[in-house]
N, C-alpha and C. Protein backbone atom coordinates (compact mmCIF):
# COMPACT_ATOMS: atom_id res chain seq x y z
N MET A 1 -33.72 11.34 -22.86
CA MET A 1 -33.53 11.64 -21.46
C MET A 1 -32.38 10.81 -20.89
N LYS A 2 -32.33 9.52 -21.27
CA LYS A 2 -31.28 8.66 -20.75
C LYS A 2 -29.90 9.12 -21.18
N SER A 3 -29.75 9.65 -22.39
CA SER A 3 -28.43 10.11 -22.84
C SER A 3 -27.98 11.32 -22.02
N THR A 4 -28.92 12.17 -21.61
CA THR A 4 -28.58 13.31 -20.76
C THR A 4 -28.08 12.82 -19.41
N LEU A 5 -28.77 11.84 -18.83
CA LEU A 5 -28.35 11.27 -17.56
C LEU A 5 -26.97 10.62 -17.71
N SER A 6 -26.76 9.91 -18.79
CA SER A 6 -25.45 9.27 -19.02
C SER A 6 -24.34 10.32 -19.10
N GLN A 7 -24.63 11.43 -19.75
CA GLN A 7 -23.63 12.50 -19.87
C GLN A 7 -23.32 13.09 -18.50
N HIS A 8 -24.34 13.30 -17.68
CA HIS A 8 -24.13 13.84 -16.34
C HIS A 8 -23.31 12.86 -15.49
N ILE A 9 -23.64 11.59 -15.59
CA ILE A 9 -22.89 10.57 -14.85
C ILE A 9 -21.43 10.57 -15.30
N HIS A 10 -21.23 10.66 -16.59
CA HIS A 10 -19.86 10.70 -17.14
C HIS A 10 -19.12 11.93 -16.62
N ASP A 11 -19.78 13.08 -16.62
CA ASP A 11 -19.16 14.31 -16.13
C ASP A 11 -18.81 14.21 -14.65
N LEU A 12 -19.72 13.65 -13.86
CA LEU A 12 -19.45 13.46 -12.43
C LEU A 12 -18.29 12.50 -12.21
N SER A 13 -18.27 11.42 -12.97
CA SER A 13 -17.21 10.42 -12.82
C SER A 13 -15.85 11.03 -13.14
N GLY A 14 -15.78 11.80 -14.22
CA GLY A 14 -14.52 12.44 -14.60
C GLY A 14 -14.02 13.40 -13.55
N SER A 15 -14.94 14.18 -13.01
CA SER A 15 -14.57 15.12 -11.95
C SER A 15 -14.10 14.39 -10.70
N ALA A 16 -14.76 13.30 -10.36
CA ALA A 16 -14.37 12.53 -9.17
C ALA A 16 -12.98 11.93 -9.35
N VAL A 17 -12.69 11.42 -10.52
CA VAL A 17 -11.37 10.84 -10.80
C VAL A 17 -10.30 11.93 -10.67
N THR A 18 -10.57 13.10 -11.23
CA THR A 18 -9.63 14.21 -11.15
C THR A 18 -9.41 14.63 -9.70
N ALA A 19 -10.48 14.76 -8.94
CA ALA A 19 -10.37 15.15 -7.53
C ALA A 19 -9.61 14.10 -6.73
N ASN A 20 -9.84 12.82 -7.01
CA ASN A 20 -9.09 11.76 -6.33
C ASN A 20 -7.60 11.87 -6.64
N GLY A 21 -7.27 12.17 -7.87
CA GLY A 21 -5.87 12.33 -8.27
C GLY A 21 -5.21 13.49 -7.55
N PHE A 22 -5.90 14.63 -7.49
CA PHE A 22 -5.36 15.79 -6.80
C PHE A 22 -5.20 15.51 -5.31
N THR A 23 -6.15 14.81 -4.72
CA THR A 23 -6.06 14.47 -3.30
C THR A 23 -4.83 13.60 -3.05
N GLY A 24 -4.60 12.65 -3.92
CA GLY A 24 -3.41 11.80 -3.80
C GLY A 24 -2.12 12.60 -3.90
N GLU A 25 -2.09 13.54 -4.82
CA GLU A 25 -0.90 14.40 -4.98
C GLU A 25 -0.69 15.27 -3.74
N LEU A 26 -1.76 15.78 -3.17
CA LEU A 26 -1.64 16.59 -1.95
C LEU A 26 -1.13 15.75 -0.79
N GLU A 27 -1.56 14.51 -0.70
CA GLU A 27 -1.07 13.63 0.37
C GLU A 27 0.42 13.36 0.21
N ILE A 28 0.87 13.14 -1.01
CA ILE A 28 2.30 12.94 -1.26
C ILE A 28 3.08 14.19 -0.87
N ALA A 29 2.58 15.36 -1.24
CA ALA A 29 3.24 16.62 -0.90
C ALA A 29 3.27 16.83 0.61
N ARG A 30 2.19 16.50 1.29
CA ARG A 30 2.12 16.64 2.75
C ARG A 30 3.21 15.79 3.41
N LYS A 31 3.32 14.55 2.98
CA LYS A 31 4.34 13.66 3.55
C LYS A 31 5.74 14.16 3.23
N HIS A 32 5.94 14.68 2.04
CA HIS A 32 7.25 15.20 1.65
C HIS A 32 7.64 16.40 2.51
N VAL A 33 6.70 17.28 2.78
CA VAL A 33 6.99 18.44 3.64
C VAL A 33 7.36 17.96 5.04
N LEU A 34 6.68 16.96 5.55
CA LEU A 34 7.03 16.41 6.87
C LEU A 34 8.47 15.87 6.86
N GLU A 35 8.85 15.20 5.78
CA GLU A 35 10.23 14.71 5.66
C GLU A 35 11.22 15.86 5.60
N LEU A 36 10.88 16.90 4.86
CA LEU A 36 11.77 18.07 4.78
C LEU A 36 11.92 18.75 6.13
N MET A 37 10.86 18.78 6.91
CA MET A 37 10.92 19.38 8.23
C MET A 37 11.93 18.68 9.12
N GLU A 38 12.09 17.38 8.94
CA GLU A 38 13.05 16.62 9.74
C GLU A 38 14.49 17.06 9.45
N ARG A 39 14.71 17.69 8.32
CA ARG A 39 16.05 18.14 7.94
C ARG A 39 16.34 19.57 8.38
N LEU A 40 15.37 20.22 9.00
CA LEU A 40 15.60 21.58 9.49
C LEU A 40 16.61 21.55 10.64
N PRO A 41 17.31 22.65 10.82
CA PRO A 41 18.30 22.69 11.90
C PRO A 41 17.67 22.40 13.27
N ALA A 42 18.45 21.79 14.13
CA ALA A 42 17.98 21.42 15.46
C ALA A 42 17.53 22.63 16.27
N ASP A 43 18.07 23.80 15.95
CA ASP A 43 17.71 24.99 16.72
C ASP A 43 16.50 25.74 16.14
N THR A 44 15.79 25.09 15.23
CA THR A 44 14.56 25.71 14.69
C THR A 44 13.57 25.89 15.84
N ASP A 45 12.93 27.03 15.84
CA ASP A 45 11.98 27.38 16.91
C ASP A 45 11.03 26.22 17.17
N PRO A 46 11.05 25.65 18.39
CA PRO A 46 10.20 24.49 18.70
C PRO A 46 8.70 24.78 18.56
N GLU A 47 8.29 25.99 18.88
CA GLU A 47 6.87 26.34 18.73
C GLU A 47 6.47 26.37 17.25
N LEU A 48 7.36 26.87 16.42
CA LEU A 48 7.11 26.88 14.97
C LEU A 48 7.01 25.46 14.45
N MET A 49 7.93 24.60 14.88
CA MET A 49 7.90 23.20 14.44
C MET A 49 6.61 22.52 14.90
N LYS A 50 6.24 22.78 16.14
CA LYS A 50 5.01 22.19 16.68
C LYS A 50 3.80 22.62 15.87
N GLU A 51 3.72 23.90 15.54
CA GLU A 51 2.57 24.41 14.77
C GLU A 51 2.56 23.84 13.35
N MET A 52 3.73 23.78 12.72
CA MET A 52 3.79 23.22 11.36
C MET A 52 3.37 21.75 11.36
N LYS A 53 3.86 20.98 12.33
CA LYS A 53 3.48 19.57 12.41
C LYS A 53 1.98 19.43 12.67
N PHE A 54 1.44 20.29 13.55
CA PHE A 54 0.01 20.25 13.81
C PHE A 54 -0.77 20.50 12.53
N GLN A 55 -0.37 21.51 11.77
CA GLN A 55 -1.08 21.84 10.53
C GLN A 55 -1.02 20.68 9.54
N LEU A 56 0.14 20.05 9.43
CA LEU A 56 0.31 18.97 8.46
C LEU A 56 -0.29 17.65 8.94
N GLU A 57 -0.08 17.32 10.20
CA GLU A 57 -0.52 16.03 10.73
C GLU A 57 -1.99 16.01 11.13
N ASP A 58 -2.48 17.11 11.63
CA ASP A 58 -3.87 17.13 12.10
C ASP A 58 -4.80 17.81 11.10
N GLU A 59 -4.55 19.06 10.86
CA GLU A 59 -5.48 19.83 10.04
C GLU A 59 -5.52 19.36 8.58
N MET A 60 -4.37 19.32 7.92
CA MET A 60 -4.36 18.95 6.51
C MET A 60 -4.76 17.48 6.32
N LYS A 61 -4.26 16.62 7.19
CA LYS A 61 -4.61 15.20 7.09
C LYS A 61 -6.11 15.00 7.26
N HIS A 62 -6.71 15.72 8.21
CA HIS A 62 -8.16 15.65 8.42
C HIS A 62 -8.92 16.13 7.19
N CYS A 63 -8.48 17.24 6.62
CA CYS A 63 -9.16 17.77 5.43
C CYS A 63 -9.07 16.78 4.27
N LEU A 64 -7.90 16.20 4.07
CA LEU A 64 -7.74 15.22 2.98
C LEU A 64 -8.61 14.00 3.22
N PHE A 65 -8.72 13.58 4.48
CA PHE A 65 -9.59 12.45 4.81
C PHE A 65 -11.03 12.78 4.46
N ARG A 66 -11.49 13.96 4.82
CA ARG A 66 -12.88 14.35 4.54
C ARG A 66 -13.14 14.42 3.03
N ILE A 67 -12.18 14.92 2.28
CA ILE A 67 -12.34 14.97 0.83
C ILE A 67 -12.45 13.54 0.28
N THR A 68 -11.56 12.68 0.72
CA THR A 68 -11.57 11.28 0.26
C THR A 68 -12.88 10.60 0.64
N GLU A 69 -13.35 10.86 1.84
CA GLU A 69 -14.62 10.29 2.30
C GLU A 69 -15.78 10.77 1.42
N SER A 70 -15.81 12.05 1.12
CA SER A 70 -16.87 12.61 0.27
C SER A 70 -16.80 12.06 -1.14
N LEU A 71 -15.59 11.91 -1.66
CA LEU A 71 -15.45 11.35 -3.01
C LEU A 71 -15.89 9.89 -3.05
N SER A 72 -15.65 9.17 -1.98
CA SER A 72 -16.11 7.79 -1.91
C SER A 72 -17.63 7.72 -1.96
N LYS A 73 -18.28 8.61 -1.23
CA LYS A 73 -19.75 8.67 -1.26
C LYS A 73 -20.24 9.04 -2.66
N LEU A 74 -19.55 9.98 -3.29
CA LEU A 74 -19.92 10.37 -4.66
C LEU A 74 -19.77 9.18 -5.60
N ASP A 75 -18.67 8.44 -5.48
CA ASP A 75 -18.47 7.25 -6.32
C ASP A 75 -19.58 6.24 -6.11
N HIS A 76 -19.98 6.06 -4.87
CA HIS A 76 -21.07 5.12 -4.57
C HIS A 76 -22.38 5.58 -5.23
N THR A 77 -22.64 6.87 -5.14
CA THR A 77 -23.86 7.43 -5.76
C THR A 77 -23.82 7.26 -7.28
N ILE A 78 -22.66 7.52 -7.87
CA ILE A 78 -22.51 7.36 -9.32
C ILE A 78 -22.74 5.90 -9.71
N ASP A 79 -22.20 4.97 -8.95
CA ASP A 79 -22.41 3.55 -9.24
C ASP A 79 -23.90 3.18 -9.16
N ARG A 80 -24.60 3.73 -8.18
CA ARG A 80 -26.04 3.46 -8.06
C ARG A 80 -26.80 4.04 -9.24
N LEU A 81 -26.41 5.24 -9.69
CA LEU A 81 -27.06 5.84 -10.86
C LEU A 81 -26.80 5.03 -12.12
N LYS A 82 -25.60 4.52 -12.26
CA LYS A 82 -25.25 3.70 -13.43
C LYS A 82 -26.08 2.41 -13.45
N ALA A 83 -26.32 1.85 -12.27
CA ALA A 83 -27.07 0.60 -12.16
C ALA A 83 -28.56 0.81 -12.46
N GLY A 84 -28.98 2.05 -12.34
CA GLY A 84 -30.38 2.36 -12.65
C GLY A 84 -31.18 2.37 -11.44
């Protein structure tokens, strides 16, 4: 029974590490897109710029925060399971 639990813990840990990595990559991409937006022509539609910034700064950032928060809770649960 313990080996089955160990395997499940290992599987959860691997998935959490992968998800953390992808979240980090998405955050880098989000910041890069914001930098690219700064290079758009000055006459770019202000409403379009406002909406893009809102999506990147508010919506996407919030989603990434929630994912990171959930993964942190999962890591804590995995640590408790490992401790017995």
